[in-house]
């Protein structure tokens, strides 16, 4: 059978940023994954460069994630301005003056995009192709920030359900979540209790458990929790969704975290793999290489590479990625590993955010696409 999909990559220098543009072309649809990182000390110039690139391609933005310090009086939010798509903004630094910043866009050509609003803000984009309907949720948070962290967590998951219902879906359609908790290290265990209870009530453990990332990060609204998610409703028998195990790590639920190591979805023409936040954790679930940044980075890359290889992919298939450093001073160790192992092409946004354990110094997540091998 002739190949019906194609995947290309391009790196370009914008006026204010470096951009990686990864393009997935499939019948009737073109998807753009655009990563922009700050190059000249102005963390907010990344917005104009990336948006212009998307508009020049005739694409419509589906969702945006921003990782940048908010600045005085929410200068970053003001620089971005009001946008008719869901924007999930996370403060990229817990150390004053962190220079790490970036933004990721998902955009589409060839499909109508429906927006869903809640409390006056756009919180989801819905689109469909011949094989599935997709709901991209963003800016998921409680509006009453005076409530307890537990209550805000429950309200955030309830909001996801409300928005999914408006899109003709429910939580059974969710295949990926991104969870950002303000001061995560103070309450990650209680958060997991609330999430696990919600998942049990919805029967999530009886079917696919979403892939996920859990990272510490403040947001401009003072909410305890900010989240985004992806819901997928298959329309075709050829469209498949499946959880993906990690060859080098145990399932996360084995140590109390309710997520899959990865989820893959697609058709015989293309596959997209979303790998959860991954860190220096041994097969038994314990942290390894304490206080050793280079060793934790090395193991994390090995674990992610093993997942990619298990799905007949490699680093060249990666369309977007995040690297979370506990300390921005560890950037040199990450850059050195990438240079020495020929993985500098990964479209990273690199930020300074605490990981879900005090002793974890590095975490990464990524999405990858393949157009030459069917799912099996």
Protein backbone atom coordinates (compact mmCIF):
# COMPACT_ATOMS: atom_id res chain seq x y z
CA UNK A 1 0.00 0.00 0.00
CA UNK A 2 1.28 3.48 -0.85
CA UNK A 3 2.23 5.61 2.11
CA UNK A 4 -0.61 8.06 2.71
CA UNK A 5 1.03 10.24 5.36
CA UNK A 6 4.29 12.17 5.63
CA UNK A 7 6.30 13.79 8.41
CA UNK A 8 8.80 16.62 8.01
CA UNK A 9 10.84 18.79 10.38
CA UNK A 10 12.31 22.26 10.09
CA UNK A 11 14.28 24.54 12.41
CA UNK A 12 14.29 28.28 11.83
CA UNK A 13 15.51 31.44 13.52
CA UNK A 14 12.81 34.02 14.21
CA UNK A 15 13.24 37.64 15.20
CA UNK A 16 12.98 36.76 18.88
CA UNK A 17 13.20 32.97 19.05
CA UNK A 18 14.42 29.68 17.74
CA UNK A 19 11.60 27.59 16.30
CA UNK A 20 11.16 23.92 15.50
CA UNK A 21 8.29 23.17 13.12
CA UNK A 22 7.22 19.55 12.79
CA UNK A 23 4.58 18.83 10.18
CA UNK A 24 2.42 15.72 9.93
CA UNK A 25 0.53 15.48 6.64
CA UNK A 26 -2.20 12.87 6.32
CA UNK A 27 -5.26 12.56 4.09
CA UNK A 28 -7.15 15.86 4.23
CA UNK A 29 -5.36 17.08 7.36
CA UNK A 30 -2.05 18.77 8.14
CA UNK A 31 -0.90 19.11 11.74
CA UNK A 32 1.79 21.54 12.87
CA UNK A 33 3.72 21.12 16.11
CA UNK A 34 5.56 24.39 16.69
CA UNK A 35 8.08 24.85 19.50
CA UNK A 36 9.53 28.31 20.12
CA UNK A 37 12.23 29.08 22.67
CA UNK A 38 13.62 32.43 23.76
CA UNK A 39 16.97 33.41 22.24
CA UNK A 40 17.65 37.01 23.22
CA UNK A 41 16.51 37.40 26.80
CA UNK A 42 12.99 38.56 25.90
CA UNK A 43 10.85 35.56 26.91
CA UNK A 44 7.69 37.02 25.41
CA UNK A 45 8.97 37.56 21.87
CA UNK A 46 8.40 33.87 21.24
CA UNK A 47 4.67 34.48 20.85
CA UNK A 48 4.77 36.77 17.82
CA UNK A 49 7.30 34.59 15.97
CA UNK A 50 5.35 31.37 16.44
CA UNK A 51 1.93 32.86 15.71
CA UNK A 52 3.22 34.48 12.51
CA UNK A 53 4.67 31.15 11.38
CA UNK A 54 1.35 29.41 11.99
CA UNK A 55 -0.64 32.10 10.22
CA UNK A 56 1.78 32.12 7.26
CA UNK A 57 1.05 28.40 6.86
CA UNK A 58 -2.70 29.06 6.81
CA UNK A 59 -3.16 27.00 9.98
CA UNK A 60 -5.54 27.41 12.93
CA UNK A 61 -4.18 27.14 16.46
CA UNK A 62 -5.71 24.27 18.41
CA UNK A 63 -3.91 24.72 21.72
CA UNK A 64 -0.94 26.45 23.32
CA UNK A 65 1.25 25.76 26.33
CA UNK A 66 3.45 28.54 27.71
CA UNK A 67 6.39 28.04 30.05
CA UNK A 68 7.75 31.43 31.10
CA UNK A 69 7.99 33.55 34.20
CA UNK A 70 4.89 35.65 34.50
CA UNK A 71 6.73 38.88 35.23
CA UNK A 72 5.57 41.89 37.20
CA UNK A 73 1.83 42.53 36.95
CA UNK A 74 1.44 39.48 34.70
CA UNK A 75 3.52 41.08 31.94
CA UNK A 76 3.69 37.78 30.09
CA UNK A 77 -0.08 37.35 29.94
CA UNK A 78 -0.39 40.92 28.69
CA UNK A 79 2.24 40.27 26.01
CA UNK A 80 0.34 37.23 24.77
CA UNK A 81 -2.96 39.10 24.76
CA UNK A 82 -6.41 37.60 24.42
CA UNK A 83 -6.31 34.57 22.15
CA UNK A 84 -9.25 32.54 20.79
CA UNK A 85 -7.69 29.21 21.75
CA UNK A 86 -6.97 27.46 25.08
CA UNK A 87 -3.73 28.71 26.64
CA UNK A 88 -2.16 26.82 29.54
CA UNK A 89 0.39 29.10 31.22
CA UNK A 90 2.90 27.74 33.73
CA UNK A 91 5.60 29.73 35.48
CA UNK A 92 8.86 28.30 34.18
CA UNK A 93 11.08 29.17 37.11
CA UNK A 94 11.06 28.83 40.87
CA UNK A 95 14.44 30.60 41.07
CA UNK A 96 14.25 34.36 40.59
CA UNK A 97 15.68 35.37 37.25
CA UNK A 98 15.47 31.99 35.51
CA UNK A 99 16.03 32.65 31.80
CA UNK A 100 14.43 29.44 30.56
CA UNK A 101 11.27 30.01 28.54
CA UNK A 102 9.36 28.51 25.65
CA UNK A 103 5.96 27.86 24.12
CA UNK A 104 4.40 24.95 22.24
CA UNK A 105 1.58 25.22 19.71
CA UNK A 106 -0.52 22.57 18.05
CA UNK A 107 -2.15 23.88 14.87
CA UNK A 108 -4.20 22.33 12.08
CA UNK A 109 -4.95 22.81 8.39
CA UNK A 110 -7.96 21.21 6.71
CA UNK A 111 -10.38 20.89 9.63
CA UNK A 112 -12.90 23.23 11.21
CA UNK A 113 -12.12 24.05 14.84
CA UNK A 114 -14.94 24.58 17.33
CA UNK A 115 -14.15 26.49 20.55
CA UNK A 116 -15.70 25.79 23.93
CA UNK A 117 -15.86 28.54 26.55
CA UNK A 118 -16.29 28.41 30.31
CA UNK A 119 -16.56 31.45 32.59
CA UNK A 120 -15.66 33.76 29.73
CA UNK A 121 -12.49 32.01 28.62
CA UNK A 122 -11.75 29.54 25.83
CA UNK A 123 -10.99 26.18 27.45
CA UNK A 124 -11.14 23.70 24.57
CA UNK A 125 -10.80 23.23 20.84
CA UNK A 126 -12.77 20.47 19.13
CA UNK A 127 -12.07 19.13 15.65
CA UNK A 128 -12.50 15.93 13.72
CA UNK A 129 -11.18 14.03 10.75
CA UNK A 130 -12.37 10.90 8.99
CA UNK A 131 -11.20 8.66 11.83
CA UNK A 132 -11.82 10.45 15.13
CA UNK A 133 -13.09 13.49 17.02
CA UNK A 134 -10.57 15.32 19.21
CA UNK A 135 -11.03 17.62 22.19
CA UNK A 136 -7.97 19.61 23.30
CA UNK A 137 -8.62 21.02 26.77
CA UNK A 138 -6.50 23.78 28.31
CA UNK A 139 -6.51 26.34 31.11
CA UNK A 140 -8.32 23.83 33.32
CA UNK A 141 -8.48 25.30 36.84
CA UNK A 142 -10.81 26.14 39.68
CA UNK A 143 -12.11 29.71 39.72
CA UNK A 144 -12.39 30.00 43.51
CA UNK A 145 -8.74 29.91 44.59
CA UNK A 146 -9.72 30.34 48.25
CA UNK A 147 -10.88 26.72 48.33
CA UNK A 148 -8.61 23.97 49.64
CA UNK A 149 -6.16 22.30 47.32
CA UNK A 150 -8.18 19.09 47.43
CA UNK A 151 -11.38 20.91 46.53
CA UNK A 152 -9.68 22.77 43.69
CA UNK A 153 -8.36 19.47 42.34
CA UNK A 154 -11.83 17.93 42.38
CA UNK A 155 -13.34 21.01 40.71
CA UNK A 156 -10.67 20.92 38.01
CA UNK A 157 -11.48 17.31 37.13
CA UNK A 158 -15.19 18.15 37.25
CA UNK A 159 -14.53 21.01 34.81
CA UNK A 160 -12.82 18.57 32.46
CA UNK A 161 -15.94 16.42 32.52
CA UNK A 162 -18.21 19.40 31.86
CA UNK A 163 -16.17 20.51 28.86
CA UNK A 164 -15.88 16.97 27.51
CA UNK A 165 -19.64 16.64 27.74
CA UNK A 166 -20.02 19.78 25.62
CA UNK A 167 -17.75 18.10 23.07
CA UNK A 168 -19.89 14.94 23.08
CA UNK A 169 -17.38 12.97 25.16
CA UNK A 170 -16.78 11.89 28.74
CA UNK A 171 -13.70 11.03 30.79
CA UNK A 172 -13.44 7.62 29.15
CA UNK A 173 -12.21 9.50 26.06
CA UNK A 174 -9.27 11.13 27.86
CA UNK A 175 -5.95 9.63 26.76
CA UNK A 176 -3.49 12.27 28.04
CA UNK A 177 -3.36 14.78 30.87
CA UNK A 178 -0.84 17.42 31.93
CA UNK A 179 -1.01 18.38 35.61
CA UNK A 180 0.76 21.43 37.04
CA UNK A 181 0.53 21.91 40.81
CA UNK A 182 1.62 25.06 42.59
CA UNK A 183 4.10 23.98 45.29
CA UNK A 184 3.68 20.38 44.16
CA UNK A 185 6.19 18.95 46.62
CA UNK A 186 3.97 20.08 49.50
CA UNK A 187 0.92 18.11 48.39
CA UNK A 188 1.59 15.66 45.56
CA UNK A 189 0.49 12.69 47.68
CA UNK A 190 -2.87 14.28 48.64
CA UNK A 191 -3.38 15.23 44.99
CA UNK A 192 -2.88 11.59 44.00
CA UNK A 193 -5.49 10.52 46.53
CA UNK A 194 -8.07 12.86 44.95
CA UNK A 195 -7.15 11.87 41.40
CA UNK A 196 -7.23 8.16 42.19
CA UNK A 197 -10.66 8.49 43.83
CA UNK A 198 -11.97 10.37 40.80
CA UNK A 199 -10.56 7.71 38.45
CA UNK A 200 -12.14 4.92 40.51
CA UNK A 201 -15.54 6.64 40.45
CA UNK A 202 -15.32 6.97 36.66
CA UNK A 203 -14.07 3.41 36.05
CA UNK A 204 -10.80 4.64 34.55
CA UNK A 205 -8.85 1.70 35.96
CA UNK A 206 -11.16 -0.68 34.14
CA UNK A 207 -10.04 0.66 30.77
CA UNK A 208 -7.22 2.86 29.49
CA UNK A 209 -5.49 4.98 32.14
CA UNK A 210 -4.32 8.25 30.55
CA UNK A 211 -0.67 9.07 30.09
CA UNK A 212 0.25 12.08 32.22
CA UNK A 213 2.81 14.56 33.43
CA UNK A 214 2.84 15.96 36.97
CA UNK A 215 5.09 18.98 37.54
CA UNK A 216 5.33 21.84 40.01
CA UNK A 217 4.44 25.23 38.61
CA UNK A 218 2.57 28.37 39.55
CA UNK A 219 0.09 30.04 37.23
CA UNK A 220 -1.09 33.64 36.75
CA UNK A 221 -4.41 33.02 38.49
CA UNK A 222 -3.24 31.75 41.87
CA UNK A 223 -4.94 28.39 41.38
CA UNK A 224 -3.55 25.37 43.21
CA UNK A 225 -3.81 23.27 40.06
CA UNK A 226 -3.63 23.99 36.34
CA UNK A 227 -4.25 21.23 33.80
CA UNK A 228 -4.71 20.39 30.16
CA UNK A 229 -5.86 17.20 28.49
CA UNK A 230 -6.57 15.44 25.22
CA UNK A 231 -9.79 13.54 24.60
CA UNK A 232 -10.28 11.29 21.56
CA UNK A 233 -13.46 9.64 20.30
CA UNK A 234 -12.78 7.13 17.49
CA UNK A 235 -15.13 7.18 14.50
CA UNK A 236 -13.46 4.44 12.49
CA UNK A 237 -12.67 0.83 13.31
CA UNK A 238 -9.19 1.50 11.92
CA UNK A 239 -8.49 4.10 14.61
CA UNK A 240 -6.89 2.51 17.67
CA UNK A 241 -5.83 3.74 21.11
CA UNK A 242 -3.62 1.71 23.43
CA UNK A 243 -1.53 2.12 26.57
CA UNK A 244 2.22 1.67 26.17
CA UNK A 245 4.42 0.13 28.87
CA UNK A 246 7.96 1.14 29.73
CA UNK A 247 10.47 -1.69 29.15
CA UNK A 248 12.73 -0.31 31.90
CA UNK A 249 10.23 0.82 34.55
CA UNK A 250 7.28 -0.59 36.44
CA UNK A 251 3.75 0.73 35.87
CA UNK A 252 3.26 4.03 37.74
CA UNK A 253 0.18 2.76 39.66
CA UNK A 254 2.54 0.28 41.38
CA UNK A 255 3.81 3.15 43.55
CA UNK A 256 0.58 5.15 43.81
CA UNK A 257 0.54 7.38 40.71
CA UNK A 258 -2.48 6.94 38.46
CA UNK A 259 -1.13 7.21 34.92
CA UNK A 260 0.18 5.07 32.07
CA UNK A 261 3.80 5.35 30.96
CA UNK A 262 2.57 6.23 27.49
CA UNK A 263 -0.39 6.12 25.13
CA UNK A 264 -0.36 5.59 21.38
CA UNK A 265 -3.17 6.36 18.96
CA UNK A 266 -3.68 6.45 15.21
CA UNK A 267 -4.55 4.49 12.09
CA UNK A 268 -2.65 2.16 9.75
CA UNK A 269 -1.33 5.33 8.05
CA UNK A 270 0.16 7.11 11.06
CA UNK A 271 0.74 6.73 14.79
CA UNK A 272 1.25 9.30 17.53
CA UNK A 273 2.91 8.28 20.78
CA UNK A 274 2.64 10.42 23.92
CA UNK A 275 5.18 9.49 26.59
CA UNK A 276 4.39 10.55 30.16
CA UNK A 277 6.70 12.54 32.36
CA UNK A 278 9.70 10.26 32.90
CA UNK A 279 12.48 10.50 35.49
CA UNK A 280 15.28 8.54 37.16
CA UNK A 281 13.16 5.78 38.67
CA UNK A 282 14.27 2.16 38.95
CA UNK A 283 12.11 -0.82 37.91
CA UNK A 284 10.97 -1.18 41.51
CA UNK A 285 9.75 2.42 41.68
CA UNK A 286 12.52 3.97 43.78
CA UNK A 287 14.57 7.03 42.81
CA UNK A 288 18.11 6.18 41.72
CA UNK A 289 21.33 8.21 41.31
CA UNK A 290 20.61 10.54 44.21
CA UNK A 291 22.24 13.98 43.87
CA UNK A 292 23.78 12.98 40.52
CA UNK A 293 22.32 15.16 37.77
CA UNK A 294 24.24 13.66 34.82
CA UNK A 295 23.36 10.11 35.88
CA UNK A 296 19.67 10.95 36.33
CA UNK A 297 19.61 12.60 32.90
CA UNK A 298 21.31 9.58 31.32
CA UNK A 299 18.90 7.06 32.84
CA UNK A 300 15.87 9.16 31.90
CA UNK A 301 16.98 9.31 28.28
CA UNK A 302 17.60 5.56 28.27
CA UNK A 303 14.12 4.86 29.62
CA UNK A 304 12.47 7.13 27.05
CA UNK A 305 14.57 5.70 24.24
CA UNK A 306 13.51 2.19 25.22
CA UNK A 307 9.85 3.20 25.00
CA UNK A 308 10.43 4.75 21.57
CA UNK A 309 12.23 1.66 20.33
CA UNK A 310 9.44 -0.58 21.64
CA UNK A 311 7.13 1.32 19.26
CA UNK A 312 9.58 1.20 16.32
CA UNK A 313 10.50 4.87 16.70
CA UNK A 314 13.61 6.88 17.55
CA UNK A 315 14.56 10.46 18.42
CA UNK A 316 13.92 11.54 14.83
CA UNK A 317 10.21 10.82 15.33
CA UNK A 318 9.85 13.31 18.20
CA UNK A 319 7.54 16.24 17.34
CA UNK A 320 7.59 18.04 20.70
CA UNK A 321 9.27 17.57 24.07
CA UNK A 322 9.63 19.07 27.53
CA UNK A 323 12.64 18.92 29.84
CA UNK A 324 12.12 19.91 33.47
CA UNK A 325 15.18 20.78 35.56
CA UNK A 326 14.93 21.06 39.34
CA UNK A 327 17.74 23.64 39.11
CA UNK A 328 18.43 25.80 36.05
CA UNK A 329 22.16 25.37 36.74
CA UNK A 330 21.76 21.77 35.52
CA UNK A 331 21.22 23.03 31.95
CA UNK A 332 24.89 22.44 31.13
CA UNK A 333 24.63 18.77 32.03
CA UNK A 334 21.57 18.36 29.81
CA UNK A 335 23.21 20.14 26.88
CA UNK A 336 26.34 18.04 27.31
CA UNK A 337 24.36 14.79 27.26
CA UNK A 338 22.49 15.83 24.11
CA UNK A 339 25.69 16.85 22.34
CA UNK A 340 27.57 13.69 23.26
CA UNK A 341 24.68 11.41 22.28
CA UNK A 342 23.61 13.14 19.06
CA UNK A 343 20.12 14.05 20.26
CA UNK A 344 20.39 17.82 19.88
CA UNK A 345 17.60 17.73 17.30
CA UNK A 346 14.92 17.09 19.94
CA UNK A 347 12.42 20.03 19.92
CA UNK A 348 12.74 20.79 23.63
CA UNK A 349 11.28 23.49 25.77
CA UNK A 350 13.50 23.44 28.86
CA UNK A 351 12.23 24.87 32.13
CA UNK A 352 13.11 25.05 35.80
CA UNK A 353 10.33 23.27 37.69
CA UNK A 354 10.36 20.85 40.59
CA UNK A 355 9.58 17.24 39.74
CA UNK A 356 7.19 15.11 41.81
CA UNK A 357 9.82 13.93 44.34
CA UNK A 358 12.38 15.95 46.32
CA UNK A 359 15.20 13.72 45.07
CA UNK A 360 14.34 13.82 41.36
CA UNK A 361 16.49 16.36 39.54
CA UNK A 362 15.27 15.95 35.96
CA UNK A 363 12.18 14.85 34.06
CA UNK A 364 11.24 14.74 30.41
CA UNK A 365 8.14 14.04 28.33
CA UNK A 366 7.60 13.90 24.61
CA UNK A 367 5.27 13.15 21.72
CA UNK A 368 6.42 11.32 18.61
CA UNK A 369 4.84 10.44 15.29
CA UNK A 370 5.46 7.62 12.81
CA UNK A 371 4.05 7.25 9.31
CA UNK A 372 5.84 4.16 8.04
CA UNK A 373 4.84 1.38 10.45
CA UNK A 374 1.29 0.38 11.51
CA UNK A 375 0.25 0.02 15.12
CA UNK A 376 0.46 -3.53 16.47
